[in-house]
């Protein structure tokens, strides 16, 4: 598996649009391994960044506002409370899912 992923690849793995990923980066919710340094430059994400973006995309798909997602807590503890409920994530299993998505999509990426 490759160790660097450009923004379009990261968005594809996470299941979100390029614009959505860009918005999360600008908001500090997802941090690229290599930040864009100006017009025409490229962001690069590592695998932990893909996991974070993928988890955020899943939470947003379930109606959790991006700013309230508490992704750090979920990745560290595997659970988080929201209002009257609790969300539990098997982080190891989620990483396996993201790794599978990468393997599935890698053949379609050039370079």
Protein backbone atom coordinates (compact mmCIF):
# COMPACT_ATOMS: atom_id res chain seq x y z
CA UNK A 1 0.00 0.00 0.00
CA UNK A 2 1.27 3.46 -0.85
CA UNK A 3 2.13 5.88 1.96
CA UNK A 4 1.10 9.16 0.29
CA UNK A 5 -2.30 10.11 -1.06
CA UNK A 6 -3.20 13.27 -2.94
CA UNK A 7 -6.42 15.13 -2.10
CA UNK A 8 -8.51 13.54 -4.89
CA UNK A 9 -7.43 10.07 -3.77
CA UNK A 10 -8.05 10.87 -0.09
CA UNK A 11 -11.53 12.16 -0.92
CA UNK A 12 -12.29 9.05 -2.94
CA UNK A 13 -11.21 6.75 -0.10
CA UNK A 14 -13.12 8.78 2.49
CA UNK A 15 -16.26 8.83 0.34
CA UNK A 16 -16.59 12.60 0.27
CA UNK A 17 -16.13 15.27 -2.35
CA UNK A 18 -12.84 17.04 -2.95
CA UNK A 19 -14.52 20.29 -1.88
CA UNK A 20 -15.75 18.72 1.36
CA UNK A 21 -12.28 17.43 2.18
CA UNK A 22 -10.83 20.85 1.39
CA UNK A 23 -13.38 22.46 3.70
CA UNK A 24 -12.44 20.09 6.54
CA UNK A 25 -8.74 20.81 6.01
CA UNK A 26 -9.34 24.59 6.10
CA UNK A 27 -11.39 24.12 9.30
CA UNK A 28 -8.59 22.06 10.89
CA UNK A 29 -10.73 18.92 11.17
CA UNK A 30 -8.41 16.91 8.90
CA UNK A 31 -4.70 17.65 8.71
CA UNK A 32 -2.69 16.70 5.63
CA UNK A 33 0.80 15.27 5.98
CA UNK A 34 2.02 17.90 3.50
CA UNK A 35 0.03 21.12 3.38
CA UNK A 36 -0.56 23.02 0.16
CA UNK A 37 1.87 25.90 -0.07
CA UNK A 38 0.08 28.01 -2.64
CA UNK A 39 -1.90 27.92 -5.84
CA UNK A 40 -1.21 24.79 -7.85
CA UNK A 41 0.53 22.98 -4.97
CA UNK A 42 -0.76 19.64 -3.74
CA UNK A 43 -1.72 18.39 -0.31
CA UNK A 44 -0.63 14.91 0.65
CA UNK A 45 -2.31 12.71 3.21
CA UNK A 46 -0.93 9.69 5.04
CA UNK A 47 -2.93 6.65 6.14
CA UNK A 48 -3.91 8.11 9.56
CA UNK A 49 -5.22 11.15 7.67
CA UNK A 50 -7.31 8.86 5.45
CA UNK A 51 -8.74 7.13 8.52
CA UNK A 52 -9.62 10.49 10.08
CA UNK A 53 -11.25 11.82 6.89
CA UNK A 54 -13.14 8.56 6.40
CA UNK A 55 -14.46 8.56 9.95
CA UNK A 56 -15.50 12.20 9.65
CA UNK A 57 -17.29 11.44 6.35
CA UNK A 58 -19.15 8.53 7.98
CA UNK A 59 -20.23 10.68 10.92
CA UNK A 60 -21.41 13.49 8.65
CA UNK A 61 -23.37 10.94 6.58
CA UNK A 62 -25.17 9.96 9.80
CA UNK A 63 -26.07 13.58 10.50
CA UNK A 64 -23.32 14.61 12.93
CA UNK A 65 -22.16 18.17 12.15
CA UNK A 66 -18.44 18.15 11.24
CA UNK A 67 -17.50 20.52 14.06
CA UNK A 68 -19.24 18.31 16.63
CA UNK A 69 -17.83 15.00 15.39
CA UNK A 70 -15.11 14.65 18.09
CA UNK A 71 -13.04 12.42 15.82
CA UNK A 72 -9.95 12.58 18.08
CA UNK A 73 -11.91 11.15 20.98
CA UNK A 74 -13.40 8.41 18.83
CA UNK A 75 -10.00 7.41 17.46
CA UNK A 76 -8.42 7.39 20.91
CA UNK A 77 -11.20 5.87 23.03
CA UNK A 78 -13.38 4.12 20.48
CA UNK A 79 -16.50 5.76 21.90
CA UNK A 80 -18.07 9.14 22.45
CA UNK A 81 -21.32 10.40 23.96
CA UNK A 82 -23.69 12.58 21.95
CA UNK A 83 -26.65 14.01 23.85
CA UNK A 84 -28.60 11.03 25.15
CA UNK A 85 -26.70 8.43 23.17
CA UNK A 86 -23.28 6.92 22.83
CA UNK A 87 -21.40 6.03 19.67
CA UNK A 88 -18.95 3.15 19.73
CA UNK A 89 -16.47 2.51 16.92
CA UNK A 90 -14.17 -0.48 16.60
CA UNK A 91 -11.18 1.57 15.48
CA UNK A 92 -9.09 -1.44 14.43
CA UNK A 93 -11.90 -2.73 12.27
CA UNK A 94 -12.52 0.73 10.82
CA UNK A 95 -8.82 0.98 9.86
CA UNK A 96 -9.17 -2.38 8.09
CA UNK A 97 -12.15 -1.05 6.15
CA UNK A 98 -10.16 2.02 5.05
CA UNK A 99 -7.20 -0.19 4.10
CA UNK A 100 -9.58 -2.32 1.98
CA UNK A 101 -10.95 0.80 0.26
CA UNK A 102 -7.39 1.85 -0.58
CA UNK A 103 -6.57 -1.59 -1.99
CA UNK A 104 -9.78 -1.56 -4.03
CA UNK A 105 -9.12 1.89 -5.51
CA UNK A 106 -5.34 1.78 -5.93
CA UNK A 107 -5.52 0.11 -9.34
CA UNK A 108 -7.50 3.02 -10.74
CA UNK A 109 -4.91 5.61 -9.66
CA UNK A 110 -2.08 6.40 -11.99
CA UNK A 111 1.39 7.02 -10.57
